[in-house]
């Protein structure tokens, strides 16, 4: 590394143990210790050794450099194992229900991305991605286990969350991807595809066509960037599914020493902690970071006796985070572009809020809901993409839930969430129309009762 224009050599330090040097019953951790360790089995001619690669299944850059150095000395990696431990012997029942929170499976042609002899570029990228998502969301991301899956197509990858498929796609390591309009893409040769993260038109092209593709106005990217961008979007969209009751406890326990008044009361009662978890998951579901946990804890304590009113408290937390929420939706000119509802729509939705055993629900006829969804879609087509929908606070969370299946990326903000310093620019209004449009259906799911009448949302 450089320090005052001087180059300082930093030696790599690692431990390599021969199998003959391991005592019988060797355990690489102390009693009561909790965590995870990774080991690689190495072989050079007739000699076998085990390399301690650190904690977790994602290797650091230093570990990859050490493996490259060992490779130059003739050592070959024969396999690896991840060991999880909690300082006690696990029953078979516990092992049965253990799950990998995150895993990435690669087809045969994609294995060079994790091969130490090719630099294992994916491993370092995943480590950086986890750190980036943790900083942006406030949720500590677990390790992503990378492994081969020969049952996949050779150029295919599969991301699993809690051992359930969450996303998949194809990568071609000898090509680049060009993203643009159909007209721009028509000027270059390649394999037509859809960019996986944002579902845009694209083509896989030969590297020699990169300059021409860029001159035609296309955005050109490498296959590794395509993969990382896709993983980033999927993980951010599903971070709420990784965050549970135990993570909620850990989060407040981490601030208990410095902010005991804010944290201790929220932790000591299990029912209160469950309510807090649901509120935080509400925030994460709409991509609101919970990193400012001190501000969030202040609001939670203000509403301590009413924490079971999950949606109500969620809205008050969002108001306290108004500056943060507005900031993430500003356009390139520092403005918050917005669409509003006609006051008749606001009155209609407000009057459709009904109390029930499950709390407040938005009860609106399907025909009216489809009408509203179509009109919102028509309005959004006429304005820039970086636009939010602003509505009164009483209906915000319920309208968001109505729209999220059709417009999952549309941010719905309340008028109380607009911070005073935000430069608001109203770019459109969803007009009132009592009848349902006969064309351009949104595809909104509807069902009818036995008499053939529209049911309610």
Protein backbone atom coordinates (compact mmCIF):
# COMPACT_ATOMS: atom_id res chain seq x y z
CA UNK A 1 0.00 0.00 0.00
CA UNK A 2 1.07 3.65 -0.44
CA UNK A 3 1.87 6.00 2.43
CA UNK A 4 3.30 9.43 1.71
CA UNK A 5 4.41 8.27 -1.74
CA UNK A 6 6.31 5.30 -0.27
CA UNK A 7 5.47 1.71 -1.18
CA UNK A 8 5.23 -0.61 1.82
CA UNK A 9 5.06 -4.36 1.31
CA UNK A 10 2.49 -6.08 3.53
CA UNK A 11 3.18 -9.85 3.83
CA UNK A 12 0.26 -12.29 3.78
CA UNK A 13 0.01 -14.44 6.89
CA UNK A 14 -1.88 -17.70 6.91
CA UNK A 15 -1.65 -21.10 8.56
CA UNK A 16 -1.20 -24.33 6.59
CA UNK A 17 -1.49 -27.54 8.63
CA UNK A 18 -0.47 -30.95 7.39
CA UNK A 19 -2.96 -33.73 8.15
CA UNK A 20 -0.20 -35.57 10.04
CA UNK A 21 0.16 -32.57 12.36
CA UNK A 22 -3.48 -32.56 13.48
CA UNK A 23 -3.99 -34.22 16.88
CA UNK A 24 -6.76 -36.75 17.24
CA UNK A 25 -10.07 -35.06 18.03
CA UNK A 26 -8.78 -31.71 16.74
CA UNK A 27 -11.48 -29.03 17.12
CA UNK A 28 -10.74 -25.63 15.47
CA UNK A 29 -12.69 -23.59 18.03
CA UNK A 30 -13.01 -23.26 21.77
CA UNK A 31 -15.78 -24.57 24.01
CA UNK A 32 -18.84 -22.34 24.01
CA UNK A 33 -17.69 -20.38 20.95
CA UNK A 34 -20.34 -19.61 18.31
CA UNK A 35 -19.80 -18.92 14.63
CA UNK A 36 -18.77 -20.40 11.33
CA UNK A 37 -15.46 -21.44 9.81
CA UNK A 38 -14.41 -22.52 6.35
CA UNK A 39 -11.64 -24.98 5.52
CA UNK A 40 -10.12 -25.97 2.19
CA UNK A 41 -8.48 -29.33 1.54
CA UNK A 42 -5.25 -28.87 -0.43
CA UNK A 43 -2.98 -31.43 -2.04
CA UNK A 44 0.53 -31.30 -3.50
CA UNK A 45 1.78 -34.60 -4.86
CA UNK A 46 1.32 -37.00 -1.89
CA UNK A 47 1.04 -34.27 0.73
CA UNK A 48 -2.36 -33.21 2.10
CA UNK A 49 -3.05 -30.01 4.08
CA UNK A 50 -6.02 -28.04 5.38
CA UNK A 51 -6.29 -24.29 4.87
CA UNK A 52 -8.34 -22.25 7.36
CA UNK A 53 -10.10 -19.78 5.06
CA UNK A 54 -11.82 -17.66 7.72
CA UNK A 55 -15.32 -17.22 9.06
CA UNK A 56 -18.18 -17.90 6.67
CA UNK A 57 -18.48 -19.16 3.12
CA UNK A 58 -17.48 -15.91 1.40
CA UNK A 59 -13.68 -15.67 1.21
CA UNK A 60 -11.91 -12.35 1.67
CA UNK A 61 -9.53 -10.84 -0.87
CA UNK A 62 -6.55 -11.80 1.33
CA UNK A 63 -7.66 -15.44 1.39
CA UNK A 64 -7.96 -15.49 -2.39
CA UNK A 65 -4.47 -13.99 -2.73
CA UNK A 66 -3.11 -16.64 -0.37
CA UNK A 67 -4.75 -19.38 -2.45
CA UNK A 68 -3.20 -17.98 -5.61
CA UNK A 69 0.19 -18.00 -3.89
CA UNK A 70 -0.30 -21.61 -2.79
CA UNK A 71 -1.34 -22.50 -6.33
CA UNK A 72 1.92 -21.13 -7.64
CA UNK A 73 3.71 -23.39 -5.16
CA UNK A 74 1.98 -26.46 -6.54
CA UNK A 75 -0.95 -26.84 -4.15
CA UNK A 76 -4.34 -27.73 -5.63
CA UNK A 77 -7.74 -27.26 -4.01
CA UNK A 78 -9.55 -30.60 -3.73
CA UNK A 79 -12.64 -29.43 -1.84
CA UNK A 80 -13.95 -27.26 0.97
CA UNK A 81 -16.30 -27.46 3.94
CA UNK A 82 -18.17 -24.85 5.99
CA UNK A 83 -18.53 -25.67 9.69
CA UNK A 84 -21.20 -23.96 11.81
CA UNK A 85 -20.94 -24.34 15.57
CA UNK A 86 -22.47 -23.01 18.76
CA UNK A 87 -20.30 -24.63 21.41
CA UNK A 88 -22.60 -27.61 22.01
CA UNK A 89 -23.49 -30.84 20.33
CA UNK A 90 -26.49 -30.52 18.01
CA UNK A 91 -29.29 -33.03 17.94
CA UNK A 92 -30.28 -34.66 14.68
CA UNK A 93 -33.57 -32.79 14.86
CA UNK A 94 -31.79 -29.42 14.94
CA UNK A 95 -29.62 -30.38 11.99
CA UNK A 96 -32.72 -31.44 10.07
CA UNK A 97 -34.29 -27.98 10.31
CA UNK A 98 -31.13 -25.95 9.63
CA UNK A 99 -31.38 -23.86 6.46
CA UNK A 100 -28.99 -21.84 4.35
CA UNK A 101 -30.42 -18.33 4.35
CA UNK A 102 -28.72 -17.32 1.09
CA UNK A 103 -27.06 -19.43 -1.56
CA UNK A 104 -25.97 -18.93 -5.15
CA UNK A 105 -25.72 -21.96 -7.43
CA UNK A 106 -23.69 -21.83 -10.64
CA UNK A 107 -23.78 -23.87 -13.81
CA UNK A 108 -20.57 -25.43 -15.11
CA UNK A 109 -19.57 -22.59 -17.46
CA UNK A 110 -19.78 -20.01 -14.62
CA UNK A 111 -17.37 -21.74 -12.23
CA UNK A 112 -14.39 -19.60 -13.37
CA UNK A 113 -16.07 -16.77 -11.44
CA UNK A 114 -15.17 -18.52 -8.17
CA UNK A 115 -11.97 -20.26 -9.24
CA UNK A 116 -8.96 -18.98 -7.22
CA UNK A 117 -6.74 -19.51 -10.27
CA UNK A 118 -8.90 -16.99 -12.16
CA UNK A 119 -8.92 -14.48 -9.31
CA UNK A 120 -12.28 -15.61 -7.82
CA UNK A 121 -13.75 -12.24 -8.81
CA UNK A 122 -17.29 -13.13 -7.77
CA UNK A 123 -16.33 -13.82 -4.14
CA UNK A 124 -14.92 -10.34 -3.55
CA UNK A 125 -17.88 -8.76 -5.37
CA UNK A 126 -20.33 -10.64 -3.14
CA UNK A 127 -18.51 -9.49 -0.03
CA UNK A 128 -18.74 -5.87 -1.20
CA UNK A 129 -22.42 -6.34 -2.11
CA UNK A 130 -23.30 -7.66 1.35
CA UNK A 131 -21.56 -4.70 2.98
CA UNK A 132 -23.30 -2.24 0.66
CA UNK A 133 -26.78 -3.68 1.27
CA UNK A 134 -26.18 -3.77 5.03
CA UNK A 135 -25.24 -0.08 5.03
CA UNK A 136 -28.20 0.88 2.85
CA UNK A 137 -30.89 -1.14 4.65
CA UNK A 138 -29.62 -1.37 8.23
CA UNK A 139 -29.93 -5.17 8.11
CA UNK A 140 -26.83 -7.32 8.57
CA UNK A 141 -26.78 -9.55 5.50
CA UNK A 142 -25.84 -13.20 6.10
CA UNK A 143 -23.13 -14.89 4.05
CA UNK A 144 -23.97 -16.05 0.54
CA UNK A 145 -22.89 -19.64 0.01
CA UNK A 146 -21.64 -20.19 -3.53
CA UNK A 147 -21.65 -23.71 -4.95
CA UNK A 148 -21.83 -25.54 -8.24
CA UNK A 149 -25.00 -27.21 -9.50
CA UNK A 150 -24.43 -29.45 -12.47
CA UNK A 151 -28.19 -29.95 -12.90
CA UNK A 152 -28.44 -26.33 -14.06
CA UNK A 153 -27.82 -25.33 -17.66
CA UNK A 154 -24.08 -24.55 -18.08
CA UNK A 155 -24.59 -20.77 -18.35
CA UNK A 156 -27.32 -20.53 -15.69
CA UNK A 157 -27.23 -19.24 -12.10
CA UNK A 158 -29.81 -19.65 -9.35
CA UNK A 159 -30.22 -17.54 -6.20
CA UNK A 160 -32.02 -19.19 -3.28
CA UNK A 161 -33.41 -17.48 -0.17
CA UNK A 162 -34.07 -19.90 2.69
CA UNK A 163 -33.37 -22.73 0.23
CA UNK A 164 -36.22 -21.60 -2.03
CA UNK A 165 -35.50 -20.28 -5.57
CA UNK A 166 -35.79 -16.49 -5.68
CA UNK A 167 -34.16 -15.57 -9.00
CA UNK A 168 -32.30 -17.12 -11.90
CA UNK A 169 -30.71 -16.03 -15.15
CA UNK A 170 -28.11 -16.75 -17.82
CA UNK A 171 -24.58 -15.36 -18.14
CA UNK A 172 -22.10 -15.69 -20.99
CA UNK A 173 -18.59 -15.04 -19.72
CA UNK A 174 -17.15 -14.56 -23.22
CA UNK A 175 -19.67 -11.83 -24.12
CA UNK A 176 -20.85 -8.38 -23.02
CA UNK A 177 -24.42 -7.21 -22.58
CA UNK A 178 -25.72 -4.14 -24.44
CA UNK A 179 -28.83 -2.43 -23.03
CA UNK A 180 -30.90 0.03 -25.03
CA UNK A 181 -34.04 0.64 -27.05
CA UNK A 182 -35.10 -1.81 -29.74
CA UNK A 183 -33.99 0.72 -32.34
CA UNK A 184 -30.52 1.06 -30.79
CA UNK A 185 -30.12 -2.69 -30.33
CA UNK A 186 -31.18 -3.30 -33.94
CA UNK A 187 -27.97 -1.64 -35.14
CA UNK A 188 -25.72 -4.34 -33.65
CA UNK A 189 -25.53 -8.11 -33.91
CA UNK A 190 -26.03 -10.34 -30.89
CA UNK A 191 -28.35 -12.61 -28.95
CA UNK A 192 -31.55 -10.85 -27.90
CA UNK A 193 -32.35 -11.09 -24.21
CA UNK A 194 -33.93 -9.23 -21.28
CA UNK A 195 -31.65 -7.61 -18.71
CA UNK A 196 -32.63 -9.52 -15.51
CA UNK A 197 -32.55 -6.80 -12.83
CA UNK A 198 -34.69 -4.10 -14.47
CA UNK A 199 -36.30 -6.14 -17.28
CA UNK A 200 -34.93 -3.97 -20.10
CA UNK A 201 -34.31 -4.96 -23.71
CA UNK A 202 -30.73 -6.12 -24.26
CA UNK A 203 -28.37 -8.17 -26.41
CA UNK A 204 -25.38 -10.36 -25.61
CA UNK A 205 -22.67 -9.16 -27.99
CA UNK A 206 -19.09 -10.03 -28.91
CA UNK A 207 -16.49 -7.89 -27.03
CA UNK A 208 -15.25 -6.57 -30.38
CA UNK A 209 -18.63 -4.81 -30.86
CA UNK A 210 -18.42 -2.82 -27.61
CA UNK A 211 -17.36 0.46 -29.24
CA UNK A 212 -20.03 0.23 -31.94
CA UNK A 213 -22.73 -0.58 -29.38
CA UNK A 214 -21.79 2.45 -27.28
CA UNK A 215 -21.73 4.70 -30.35
CA UNK A 216 -25.30 3.56 -31.08
CA UNK A 217 -26.36 4.76 -27.64
CA UNK A 218 -26.42 1.44 -25.80
CA UNK A 219 -25.15 0.89 -22.26
CA UNK A 220 -22.56 -1.90 -22.30
CA UNK A 221 -21.67 -3.97 -19.24
CA UNK A 222 -19.76 -7.14 -18.39
CA UNK A 223 -21.40 -10.41 -17.30
CA UNK A 224 -20.20 -10.15 -13.69
CA UNK A 225 -21.82 -6.72 -13.33
CA UNK A 226 -25.05 -8.14 -14.74
CA UNK A 227 -25.04 -10.85 -12.08
CA UNK A 228 -24.21 -8.52 -9.18
CA UNK A 229 -26.86 -5.99 -10.23
CA UNK A 230 -29.48 -8.74 -10.44
CA UNK A 231 -28.53 -10.15 -7.04
CA UNK A 232 -28.58 -6.66 -5.53
CA UNK A 233 -32.11 -5.94 -6.71
CA UNK A 234 -33.48 -9.30 -5.60
CA UNK A 235 -31.84 -9.16 -2.16
CA UNK A 236 -32.98 -5.59 -1.53
CA UNK A 237 -36.53 -6.49 -2.53
CA UNK A 238 -36.52 -9.51 -0.19
CA UNK A 239 -34.49 -8.20 2.75
CA UNK A 240 -37.66 -8.22 4.88
CA UNK A 241 -37.77 -12.02 4.55
CA UNK A 242 -34.29 -12.31 6.07
CA UNK A 243 -35.20 -10.09 9.03
CA UNK A 244 -37.03 -11.92 11.83
CA UNK A 245 -37.67 -11.83 15.55
CA UNK A 246 -34.15 -12.92 16.50
CA UNK A 247 -32.62 -10.26 14.24
CA UNK A 248 -34.91 -7.67 15.85
CA UNK A 249 -33.61 -8.64 19.29
CA UNK A 250 -29.98 -8.49 18.09
CA UNK A 251 -30.57 -5.04 16.58
CA UNK A 252 -31.83 -3.48 19.81
CA UNK A 253 -29.37 -5.43 21.92
CA UNK A 254 -26.57 -3.79 19.89
CA UNK A 255 -27.64 -0.33 21.12
CA UNK A 256 -28.71 -1.36 24.64
CA UNK A 257 -25.39 -0.39 26.28
CA UNK A 258 -25.29 3.09 24.73
CA UNK A 259 -29.04 3.79 24.66
CA UNK A 260 -30.58 1.64 27.43
CA UNK A 261 -33.67 3.83 27.85
CA UNK A 262 -34.57 3.36 24.17
CA UNK A 263 -33.79 -0.33 23.85
CA UNK A 264 -34.46 -2.22 27.10
CA UNK A 265 -38.24 -1.76 27.32
CA UNK A 266 -38.67 -2.82 23.68
CA UNK A 267 -36.65 -6.00 24.31
CA UNK A 268 -37.96 -7.26 27.62
CA UNK A 269 -41.57 -8.03 26.59
CA UNK A 270 -41.86 -10.64 23.84
CA UNK A 271 -45.22 -9.35 22.57
CA UNK A 272 -43.82 -5.83 22.23
CA UNK A 273 -40.79 -7.21 20.39
CA UNK A 274 -43.07 -9.05 17.95
CA UNK A 275 -44.92 -5.82 17.20
CA UNK A 276 -41.62 -4.00 16.69
CA UNK A 277 -40.51 -6.71 14.27
CA UNK A 278 -43.68 -6.26 12.19
CA UNK A 279 -43.21 -2.49 12.10
CA UNK A 280 -39.59 -2.83 10.94
CA UNK A 281 -40.63 -5.37 8.30
CA UNK A 282 -43.26 -2.89 7.06
CA UNK A 283 -40.49 -0.34 6.56
CA UNK A 284 -38.16 -2.79 4.83
CA UNK A 285 -40.96 -3.98 2.54
CA UNK A 286 -41.07 -0.46 1.06
CA UNK A 287 -37.28 -0.14 0.98
CA UNK A 288 -37.07 2.26 3.91
CA UNK A 289 -33.73 1.79 5.66
CA UNK A 290 -33.82 0.99 9.38
CA UNK A 291 -30.21 2.05 9.87
CA UNK A 292 -31.33 5.13 11.84
CA UNK A 293 -32.51 2.81 14.60
CA UNK A 294 -32.15 5.54 17.25
CA UNK A 295 -34.81 7.73 15.61
CA UNK A 296 -36.99 4.67 15.04
CA UNK A 297 -36.62 3.62 18.69
CA UNK A 298 -37.64 7.10 19.86
CA UNK A 299 -40.94 6.84 17.94
CA UNK A 300 -41.54 3.26 19.08
CA UNK A 301 -41.15 4.32 22.70
CA UNK A 302 -43.50 7.27 22.15
CA UNK A 303 -46.16 4.76 21.06
CA UNK A 304 -45.14 2.00 23.48
CA UNK A 305 -48.65 1.40 24.82
CA UNK A 306 -50.08 1.13 21.31
CA UNK A 307 -47.40 -0.87 19.50
CA UNK A 308 -49.97 -3.51 18.53
CA UNK A 309 -51.40 -0.94 16.06
CA UNK A 310 -48.77 -1.94 13.54
CA UNK A 311 -49.82 0.18 10.56
CA UNK A 312 -50.53 3.26 12.65
CA UNK A 313 -47.11 3.20 14.32
CA UNK A 314 -45.42 2.41 10.97
CA UNK A 315 -46.80 5.64 9.53
CA UNK A 316 -45.51 7.67 12.48
CA UNK A 317 -42.05 6.14 12.09
CA UNK A 318 -42.08 7.06 8.39
CA UNK A 319 -42.96 10.66 9.31
CA UNK A 320 -39.94 10.78 11.61
CA UNK A 321 -37.79 9.50 8.73
CA UNK A 322 -39.28 11.95 6.21
CA UNK A 323 -35.97 13.53 5.21
CA UNK A 324 -34.41 10.13 4.58
CA UNK A 325 -37.42 8.90 2.59
CA UNK A 326 -37.65 11.97 0.38
CA UNK A 327 -33.91 11.98 -0.29
CA UNK A 328 -33.92 8.54 -1.91
CA UNK A 329 -36.49 9.63 -4.53
CA UNK A 330 -34.98 12.95 -5.63
CA UNK A 331 -34.24 13.26 -9.35
CA UNK A 332 -31.03 14.53 -10.94
CA UNK A 333 -32.06 18.14 -10.31
CA UNK A 334 -32.72 17.54 -6.61
CA UNK A 335 -36.50 17.67 -7.05
CA UNK A 336 -39.15 15.24 -5.81
CA UNK A 337 -41.42 14.57 -8.78
CA UNK A 338 -44.93 13.65 -7.71
CA UNK A 339 -48.36 12.60 -8.88
CA UNK A 340 -51.43 13.32 -6.75
CA UNK A 341 -54.98 11.96 -6.63
CA UNK A 342 -58.10 13.93 -7.43
CA UNK A 343 -59.81 14.83 -4.14
CA UNK A 344 -62.79 12.63 -5.08
CA UNK A 345 -60.50 9.59 -5.20
CA UNK A 346 -59.07 10.56 -1.82
CA UNK A 347 -62.57 10.85 -0.36
CA UNK A 348 -63.61 7.54 -1.93
CA UNK A 349 -60.62 5.66 -0.54
CA UNK A 350 -60.91 7.28 2.88
CA UNK A 351 -64.59 6.29 3.14
CA UNK A 352 -63.65 2.72 2.11
CA UNK A 353 -61.46 2.16 5.18
CA UNK A 354 -63.30 -0.21 7.51
CA UNK A 355 -62.50 -1.64 10.94
CA UNK A 356 -62.25 -5.42 11.17
CA UNK A 357 -60.86 -8.13 13.45
CA UNK A 358 -57.60 -7.91 11.46
CA UNK A 359 -57.42 -4.14 11.87
CA UNK A 360 -58.27 -1.47 9.30
CA UNK A 361 -58.89 -2.76 5.75
CA UNK A 362 -59.47 -0.98 2.45
CA UNK A 363 -62.79 -2.35 1.21
CA UNK A 364 -63.37 -1.20 -2.34
CA UNK A 365 -65.24 -2.84 -5.22
CA UNK A 366 -63.00 -4.61 -7.70
CA UNK A 367 -64.39 -2.59 -10.59
CA UNK A 368 -63.47 0.64 -8.79
CA UNK A 369 -60.05 -0.70 -7.84
CA UNK A 370 -59.31 -1.68 -11.44
CA UNK A 371 -60.51 1.70 -12.62
CA UNK A 372 -58.15 3.48 -10.21
CA UNK A 373 -55.20 1.24 -11.12
CA UNK A 374 -55.73 1.84 -14.85
CA UNK A 375 -55.96 5.61 -14.37
CA UNK A 376 -52.77 5.67 -12.28
CA UNK A 377 -50.99 3.66 -14.98
CA UNK A 378 -52.19 6.05 -17.69
CA UNK A 379 -50.95 9.04 -15.69
CA UNK A 380 -47.55 7.48 -14.98
CA UNK A 381 -46.95 6.79 -18.70
CA UNK A 382 -47.04 10.52 -19.41
CA UNK A 383 -44.39 11.57 -16.86
CA UNK A 384 -40.74 10.67 -15.98
CA UNK A 385 -40.07 7.36 -14.25
CA UNK A 386 -38.60 8.92 -11.09
CA UNK A 387 -41.99 10.01 -9.76
CA UNK A 388 -43.81 9.15 -6.53
CA UNK A 389 -47.51 9.10 -5.70
CA UNK A 390 -48.46 11.44 -2.84
CA UNK A 391 -51.68 10.84 -0.89
CA UNK A 392 -53.15 11.71 2.55
CA UNK A 393 -51.56 9.79 5.46
CA UNK A 394 -54.79 8.00 6.42
CA UNK A 395 -54.91 6.03 3.15
CA UNK A 396 -51.21 5.75 2.24
CA UNK A 397 -50.29 2.26 3.50
CA UNK A 398 -53.58 0.72 2.33
CA UNK A 399 -53.31 2.22 -1.16
CA UNK A 400 -49.71 1.00 -1.40
CA UNK A 401 -50.85 -2.56 -0.65
CA UNK A 402 -53.55 -2.27 -3.31
CA UNK A 403 -51.06 -1.09 -5.94
CA UNK A 404 -47.97 -3.17 -5.15
CA UNK A 405 -48.97 -6.20 -7.19
CA UNK A 406 -49.37 -4.13 -10.36
CA UNK A 407 -46.83 -1.35 -9.67
CA UNK A 408 -44.30 -2.90 -7.22
CA UNK A 409 -41.72 -0.13 -7.78
CA UNK A 410 -44.10 2.79 -7.37
CA UNK A 411 -43.31 4.68 -4.15
CA UNK A 412 -46.40 5.92 -2.31
CA UNK A 413 -45.69 8.75 0.15
CA UNK A 414 -48.01 10.62 2.46
CA UNK A 415 -48.27 14.39 2.56
CA UNK A 416 -46.85 14.24 6.10
CA UNK A 417 -43.66 12.58 4.84
CA UNK A 418 -42.57 15.51 2.68
CA UNK A 419 -39.78 17.23 4.61
CA UNK A 420 -39.83 21.06 4.67
CA UNK A 421 -36.62 21.41 2.63
CA UNK A 422 -37.79 19.08 -0.15
CA UNK A 423 -38.34 20.75 -3.53
CA UNK A 424 -41.65 19.20 -4.55
CA UNK A 425 -42.73 19.26 -8.19
CA UNK A 426 -46.26 18.00 -8.97
CA UNK A 427 -46.14 16.51 -12.47
CA UNK A 428 -49.59 15.04 -12.81
CA UNK A 429 -52.90 14.18 -11.22
CA UNK A 430 -54.99 11.04 -11.36
CA UNK A 431 -58.38 12.35 -12.49
CA UNK A 432 -61.68 11.09 -11.17
CA UNK A 433 -63.67 8.81 -13.45
CA UNK A 434 -66.56 6.91 -11.96
CA UNK A 435 -66.81 4.34 -14.76
CA UNK A 436 -64.21 1.65 -15.48
CA UNK A 437 -62.25 2.14 -18.73
CA UNK A 438 -63.23 -0.39 -21.35
CA UNK A 439 -59.71 -0.71 -22.80
CA UNK A 440 -56.13 -1.08 -21.59
CA UNK A 441 -56.94 -3.30 -18.64
CA UNK A 442 -54.14 -3.49 -16.08
CA UNK A 443 -54.60 -7.24 -15.71
CA UNK A 444 -55.61 -6.65 -12.07
CA UNK A 445 -56.81 -9.89 -10.49
CA UNK A 446 -60.54 -10.04 -9.96
CA UNK A 447 -62.95 -12.64 -8.75
CA UNK A 448 -66.72 -12.88 -8.70
CA UNK A 449 -69.11 -14.34 -6.21
CA UNK A 450 -71.59 -17.10 -7.02
CA UNK A 451 -74.06 -14.56 -8.37
CA UNK A 452 -71.52 -13.21 -10.85
CA UNK A 453 -70.99 -9.93 -8.99
CA UNK A 454 -67.63 -8.34 -8.34
CA UNK A 455 -66.19 -9.13 -4.93
CA UNK A 456 -64.32 -6.58 -2.79
CA UNK A 457 -60.64 -5.99 -2.20
